[in-house]
Amino acid sequence: MAEVAIVMGSDSDLKVMAKAAEMLEKFGIGYEMNILSAHRATDDFVVWAKGLEEKGVKVVIAGAGMAAHLPGMCAALVPMPVIGIPMHTTSLGGRDSLYSIVQMPSGIPVATVAINGGANAGILAAKILAANDAELSGKLKAYTEQMRQENLAKSAKLQEIGWREYLEQKG
């Protein structure tokens, strides 16, 4: 069963949205993924969004660029939390997307991650679901500990070989 719905307005967003899917897979969370433009396939998008609750979806991850209406439209149509991923754009570097998603009107909140922040969107969705799932919470704690251990190992290596050699080895 899909607990998370991932939606993007264009297949050009797929590389970023795939990072969210990879994180969900890492934590064993079921998801569905769709390409549905709020502008180009409005009626289809609305039908899809209004059916999410009945399907048992608990969190939506929506990625969009430029005017970035998709996350806000999701938030307006569904009762579950929506995480918006602003996409990097060539004209304004993603700031247009970021502002569109983060500046939602009162009553229509969208949690927003960094520009192209697919992995963090997946992790945030997992954290939302973990509020009522002790097993998932344990997986998130293990993931955090893994990151801690990796960071400490990097620091130890830096101390051992010095910054110049560290940078050379890193490439």
C-alpha atoms as a PDB file:
ATOM      1  CA  MET A   1       0.000   0.000   0.000  1.00  0.00           C
ATOM      2  CA  ALA A   2       1.273   3.458  -0.875  1.00  0.00           C
ATOM      3  CA  GLU A   3       1.544   5.649   2.211  1.00  0.00           C
ATOM      4  CA  VAL A   4       3.202   8.435   0.227  1.00  0.00           C
ATOM      5  CA  ALA A   5       2.191   9.923  -3.104  1.00  0.00           C
ATOM      6  CA  ILE A   6       4.928  11.535  -5.158  1.00  0.00           C
ATOM      7  CA  VAL A   7       3.782  13.838  -7.931  1.00  0.00           C
ATOM      8  CA  MET A   8       5.578  16.098 -10.371  1.00  0.00           C
ATOM      9  CA  GLY A   9       4.352  18.327 -13.141  1.00  0.00           C
ATOM     10  CA  SER A  10       6.929  17.232 -15.718  1.00  0.00           C
ATOM     11  CA  ASP A  11       9.271  14.343 -16.392  1.00  0.00           C
ATOM     12  CA  SER A  12      12.109  16.885 -16.277  1.00  0.00           C
ATOM     13  CA  ASP A  13      11.636  16.753 -12.474  1.00  0.00           C
ATOM     14  CA  LEU A  14      12.103  12.975 -12.282  1.00  0.00           C
ATOM     15  CA  LYS A  15      15.780  12.926 -11.255  1.00  0.00           C
ATOM     16  CA  VAL A  16      15.020  15.057  -8.205  1.00  0.00           C
ATOM     17  CA  MET A  17      11.804  13.217  -7.332  1.00  0.00           C
ATOM     18  CA  ALA A  18      13.604   9.861  -7.646  1.00  0.00           C
ATOM     19  CA  LYS A  19      15.762  10.899  -4.687  1.00  0.00           C
ATOM     20  CA  ALA A  20      12.622  11.113  -2.551  1.00  0.00           C
ATOM     21  CA  ALA A  21      11.565   7.670  -3.773  1.00  0.00           C
ATOM     22  CA  GLU A  22      15.008   6.240  -2.962  1.00  0.00           C
ATOM     23  CA  MET A  23      14.777   7.500   0.622  1.00  0.00           C
ATOM     24  CA  LEU A  24      11.290   6.044   1.022  1.00  0.00           C
ATOM     25  CA  GLU A  25      12.569   2.702  -0.286  1.00  0.00           C
ATOM     26  CA  LYS A  26      15.479   2.866   2.177  1.00  0.00           C
ATOM     27  CA  PHE A  27      12.963   3.039   5.035  1.00  0.00           C
ATOM     28  CA  GLY A  28      10.558   0.479   3.559  1.00  0.00           C
ATOM     29  CA  ILE A  29       7.765   2.964   2.877  1.00  0.00           C
ATOM     30  CA  GLY A  30       5.349   2.263   0.038  1.00  0.00           C
ATOM     31  CA  TYR A  31       4.732   5.033  -2.472  1.00  0.00           C
ATOM     32  CA  GLU A  32       3.192   5.813  -5.815  1.00  0.00           C
ATOM     33  CA  MET A  33       4.699   8.217  -8.345  1.00  0.00           C
ATOM     34  CA  ASN A  34       2.893  10.237 -11.006  1.00  0.00           C
ATOM     35  CA  ILE A  35       3.432  12.980 -13.564  1.00  0.00           C
ATOM     36  CA  LEU A  36       0.389  15.246 -13.444  1.00  0.00           C
ATOM     37  CA  SER A  37       0.600  18.900 -14.294  1.00  0.00           C
ATOM     38  CA  ALA A  38      -1.678  21.278 -12.408  1.00  0.00           C
ATOM     39  CA  HIS A  39      -1.705  23.398 -15.576  1.00  0.00           C
ATOM     40  CA  ARG A  40      -1.659  20.898 -18.454  1.00  0.00           C
ATOM     41  CA  ALA A  41      -3.879  18.164 -16.969  1.00  0.00           C
ATOM     42  CA  THR A  42      -5.890  20.064 -14.379  1.00  0.00           C
ATOM     43  CA  ASP A  43      -9.017  17.884 -14.321  1.00  0.00           C
ATOM     44  CA  ASP A  44      -6.973  14.670 -14.138  1.00  0.00           C
ATOM     45  CA  PHE A  45      -4.828  16.134 -11.372  1.00  0.00           C
ATOM     46  CA  VAL A  46      -7.874  17.105  -9.308  1.00  0.00           C
ATOM     47  CA  VAL A  47      -9.427  13.630  -9.650  1.00  0.00           C
ATOM     48  CA  TRP A  48      -6.132  12.028  -8.651  1.00  0.00           C
ATOM     49  CA  ALA A  49      -5.633  14.318  -5.631  1.00  0.00           C
ATOM     50  CA  LYS A  50      -9.194  13.890  -4.361  1.00  0.00           C
ATOM     51  CA  GLY A  51      -8.751  10.092  -4.489  1.00  0.00           C
ATOM     52  CA  LEU A  52      -5.611   9.969  -2.348  1.00  0.00           C
ATOM     53  CA  GLU A  53      -7.321   9.835   1.034  1.00  0.00           C
ATOM     54  CA  GLU A  54      -9.498   6.905  -0.045  1.00  0.00           C
ATOM     55  CA  LYS A  55      -6.355   5.062  -1.220  1.00  0.00           C
ATOM     56  CA  GLY A  56      -4.786   5.442   2.238  1.00  0.00           C
ATOM     57  CA  VAL A  57      -2.081   7.940   1.315  1.00  0.00           C
ATOM     58  CA  LYS A  58      -0.807   9.748   4.404  1.00  0.00           C
ATOM     59  CA  VAL A  59       1.744  12.215   2.965  1.00  0.00           C
ATOM     60  CA  VAL A  60       2.153  13.887  -0.437  1.00  0.00           C
ATOM     61  CA  ILE A  61       5.478  14.954  -1.920  1.00  0.00           C
ATOM     62  CA  ALA A  62       4.951  17.388  -4.799  1.00  0.00           C
ATOM     63  CA  GLY A  63       7.714  18.838  -6.919  1.00  0.00           C
ATOM     64  CA  ALA A  64       7.327  21.793  -9.243  1.00  0.00           C
ATOM     65  CA  GLY A  65       9.295  24.477 -10.991  1.00  0.00           C
ATOM     66  CA  MET A  66       8.711  28.056 -12.064  1.00  0.00           C
ATOM     67  CA  ALA A  67       5.187  29.096 -10.986  1.00  0.00           C
ATOM     68  CA  ALA A  68       5.168  25.877  -8.925  1.00  0.00           C
ATOM     69  CA  HIS A  69       1.431  25.555  -8.361  1.00  0.00           C
ATOM     70  CA  LEU A  70       1.409  21.771  -7.934  1.00  0.00           C
ATOM     71  CA  PRO A  71       2.285  21.573  -4.189  1.00  0.00           C
ATOM     72  CA  GLY A  72      -0.179  24.326  -3.308  1.00  0.00           C
ATOM     73  CA  MET A  73      -2.936  22.739  -5.372  1.00  0.00           C
ATOM     74  CA  CYS A  74      -2.286  19.459  -3.536  1.00  0.00           C
ATOM     75  CA  ALA A  75      -2.475  21.234  -0.180  1.00  0.00           C
ATOM     76  CA  ALA A  76      -5.750  22.878  -1.195  1.00  0.00           C
ATOM     77  CA  LEU A  77      -7.305  19.558  -2.228  1.00  0.00           C
ATOM     78  CA  VAL A  78      -6.082  17.007   0.347  1.00  0.00           C
ATOM     79  CA  PRO A  79      -6.244  16.809   4.150  1.00  0.00           C
ATOM     80  CA  MET A  80      -2.838  15.148   4.587  1.00  0.00           C
ATOM     81  CA  PRO A  81       0.520  16.942   4.885  1.00  0.00           C
ATOM     82  CA  VAL A  82       2.119  18.100   1.633  1.00  0.00           C
ATOM     83  CA  ILE A  83       5.872  18.476   1.201  1.00  0.00           C
ATOM     84  CA  GLY A  84       6.891  20.753  -1.654  1.00  0.00           C
ATOM     85  CA  ILE A  85      10.131  20.429  -3.580  1.00  0.00           C
ATOM     86  CA  PRO A  86      11.030  23.567  -5.515  1.00  0.00           C
ATOM     87  CA  MET A  87      12.851  22.691  -8.730  1.00  0.00           C
ATOM     88  CA  HIS A  88      15.934  24.472  -9.990  1.00  0.00           C
ATOM     89  CA  THR A  89      15.044  26.588 -13.008  1.00  0.00           C
ATOM     90  CA  THR A  90      17.258  28.135 -15.642  1.00  0.00           C
ATOM     91  CA  SER A  91      15.710  31.581 -15.459  1.00  0.00           C
ATOM     92  CA  LEU A  92      15.839  32.244 -11.712  1.00  0.00           C
ATOM     93  CA  GLY A  93      17.787  29.303 -10.310  1.00  0.00           C
ATOM     94  CA  GLY A  94      14.768  27.889  -8.493  1.00  0.00           C
ATOM     95  CA  ARG A  95      14.036  30.971  -6.410  1.00  0.00           C
ATOM     96  CA  ASP A  96      10.809  31.396  -8.376  1.00  0.00           C
ATOM     97  CA  SER A  97       9.801  27.832  -7.459  1.00  0.00           C
ATOM     98  CA  LEU A  98      10.841  28.261  -3.829  1.00  0.00           C
ATOM     99  CA  TYR A  99       8.885  31.474  -3.348  1.00  0.00           C
ATOM    100  CA  SER A 100       5.805  30.027  -5.045  1.00  0.00           C
ATOM    101  CA  ILE A 101       5.767  26.996  -2.764  1.00  0.00           C
ATOM    102  CA  VAL A 102       6.761  28.573   0.534  1.00  0.00           C
ATOM    103  CA  GLN A 103       4.470  31.625   0.264  1.00  0.00           C
ATOM    104  CA  MET A 104       1.143  29.819   0.530  1.00  0.00           C
ATOM    105  CA  PRO A 105      -1.873  31.660   1.912  1.00  0.00           C
ATOM    106  CA  SER A 106      -2.975  31.117   5.483  1.00  0.00           C
ATOM    107  CA  GLY A 107      -4.812  27.825   5.887  1.00  0.00           C
ATOM    108  CA  ILE A 108      -3.048  26.065   2.981  1.00  0.00           C
ATOM    109  CA  PRO A 109       0.369  25.077   4.402  1.00  0.00           C
ATOM    110  CA  VAL A 110       3.035  23.312   2.380  1.00  0.00           C
ATOM    111  CA  ALA A 111       6.162  22.069   4.147  1.00  0.00           C
ATOM    112  CA  THR A 112       8.996  23.080   1.837  1.00  0.00           C
ATOM    113  CA  VAL A 113      12.484  21.632   1.448  1.00  0.00           C
ATOM    114  CA  ALA A 114      15.484  23.103  -0.375  1.00  0.00           C
ATOM    115  CA  ILE A 115      15.624  23.634  -4.118  1.00  0.00           C
ATOM    116  CA  ASN A 116      16.056  20.153  -5.658  1.00  0.00           C
ATOM    117  CA  GLY A 117      15.802  18.703  -2.123  1.00  0.00           C
ATOM    118  CA  GLY A 118      14.320  15.335  -3.098  1.00  0.00           C
ATOM    119  CA  ALA A 119      16.194  13.274  -0.512  1.00  0.00           C
ATOM    120  CA  ASN A 120      15.156  15.576   2.336  1.00  0.00           C
ATOM    121  CA  ALA A 121      11.546  15.415   1.173  1.00  0.00           C
ATOM    122  CA  GLY A 122      11.671  11.629   1.436  1.00  0.00           C
ATOM    123  CA  ILE A 123      13.236  11.811   4.888  1.00  0.00           C
ATOM    124  CA  LEU A 124      10.670  14.383   6.050  1.00  0.00           C
ATOM    125  CA  ALA A 125       7.841  12.152   4.824  1.00  0.00           C
ATOM    126  CA  ALA A 126       9.379   9.256   6.774  1.00  0.00           C
ATOM    127  CA  LYS A 127       9.610  11.412   9.901  1.00  0.00           C
ATOM    128  CA  ILE A 128       5.956  12.418   9.587  1.00  0.00           C
ATOM    129  CA  LEU A 129       4.939   8.771   9.277  1.00  0.00           C
ATOM    130  CA  ALA A 130       7.256   7.768  12.150  1.00  0.00           C
ATOM    131  CA  ALA A 131       5.200   9.846  14.585  1.00  0.00           C
ATOM    132  CA  ASN A 132       2.838   6.845  14.787  1.00  0.00           C
ATOM    133  CA  ASP A 133       5.227   4.017  13.875  1.00  0.00           C
ATOM    134  CA  ALA A 134       7.858   2.836  16.373  1.00  0.00           C
ATOM    135  CA  GLU A 135       9.557   0.533  13.846  1.00  0.00           C
ATOM    136  CA  LEU A 136       9.975   3.348  11.333  1.00  0.00           C
ATOM    137  CA  SER A 137      11.192   5.636  14.111  1.00  0.00           C
ATOM    138  CA  GLY A 138      13.874   3.054  14.893  1.00  0.00           C
ATOM    139  CA  LYS A 139      14.964   2.995  11.237  1.00  0.00           C
ATOM    140  CA  LEU A 140      15.276   6.774  11.246  1.00  0.00           C
ATOM    141  CA  LYS A 141      17.350   6.672  14.439  1.00  0.00           C
ATOM    142  CA  ALA A 142      19.645   4.069  12.847  1.00  0.00           C
ATOM    143  CA  TYR A 143      19.992   6.253   9.748  1.00  0.00           C
ATOM    144  CA  THR A 144      20.931   9.242  11.906  1.00  0.00           C
ATOM    145  CA  GLU A 145      23.510   7.141  13.764  1.00  0.00           C
ATOM    146  CA  GLN A 146      24.965   5.939  10.454  1.00  0.00           C
ATOM    147  CA  MET A 147      25.389   9.559   9.324  1.00  0.00           C
ATOM    148  CA  ARG A 148      27.040  10.368  12.664  1.00  0.00           C
ATOM    149  CA  GLN A 149      29.496   7.492  12.331  1.00  0.00           C
ATOM    150  CA  GLU A 150      30.361   8.497   8.747  1.00  0.00           C
ATOM    151  CA  ASN A 151      30.988  12.066   9.870  1.00  0.00           C
ATOM    152  CA  LEU A 152      33.226  10.977  12.756  1.00  0.00           C
ATOM    153  CA  ALA A 153      35.202   8.692  10.411  1.00  0.00           C
ATOM    154  CA  LYS A 154      35.807  11.598   8.027  1.00  0.00           C
ATOM    155  CA  SER A 155      36.992  13.777  10.892  1.00  0.00           C
ATOM    156  CA  ALA A 156      39.353  11.071  12.142  1.00  0.00           C
ATOM    157  CA  LYS A 157      40.814  10.637   8.641  1.00  0.00           C
ATOM    158  CA  LEU A 158      41.287  14.412   8.311  1.00  0.00           C
ATOM    159  CA  GLN A 159      43.120  14.497  11.641  1.00  0.00           C
ATOM    160  CA  GLU A 160      45.284  11.542  10.596  1.00  0.00           C
ATOM    161  CA  ILE A 161      46.410  12.686   7.132  1.00  0.00           C
ATOM    162  CA  GLY A 162      45.868  16.464   7.129  1.00  0.00           C
ATOM    163  CA  TRP A 163      43.660  18.599   4.952  1.00  0.00           C
ATOM    164  CA  ARG A 164      45.862  18.678   1.822  1.00  0.00           C
ATOM    165  CA  GLU A 165      46.089  14.896   1.462  1.00  0.00           C
ATOM    166  CA  TYR A 166      42.425  14.553   2.425  1.00  0.00           C
ATOM    167  CA  LEU A 167      41.443  16.844  -0.447  1.00  0.00           C
ATOM    168  CA  GLU A 168      43.739  15.008  -2.879  1.00  0.00           C
ATOM    169  CA  GLN A 169      42.201  11.649  -1.963  1.00  0.00           C
ATOM    170  CA  LYS A 170      38.724  13.054  -2.261  1.00  0.00           C
ATOM    171  CA  GLY A 171      39.469  14.179  -5.828  1.00  0.00           C
END
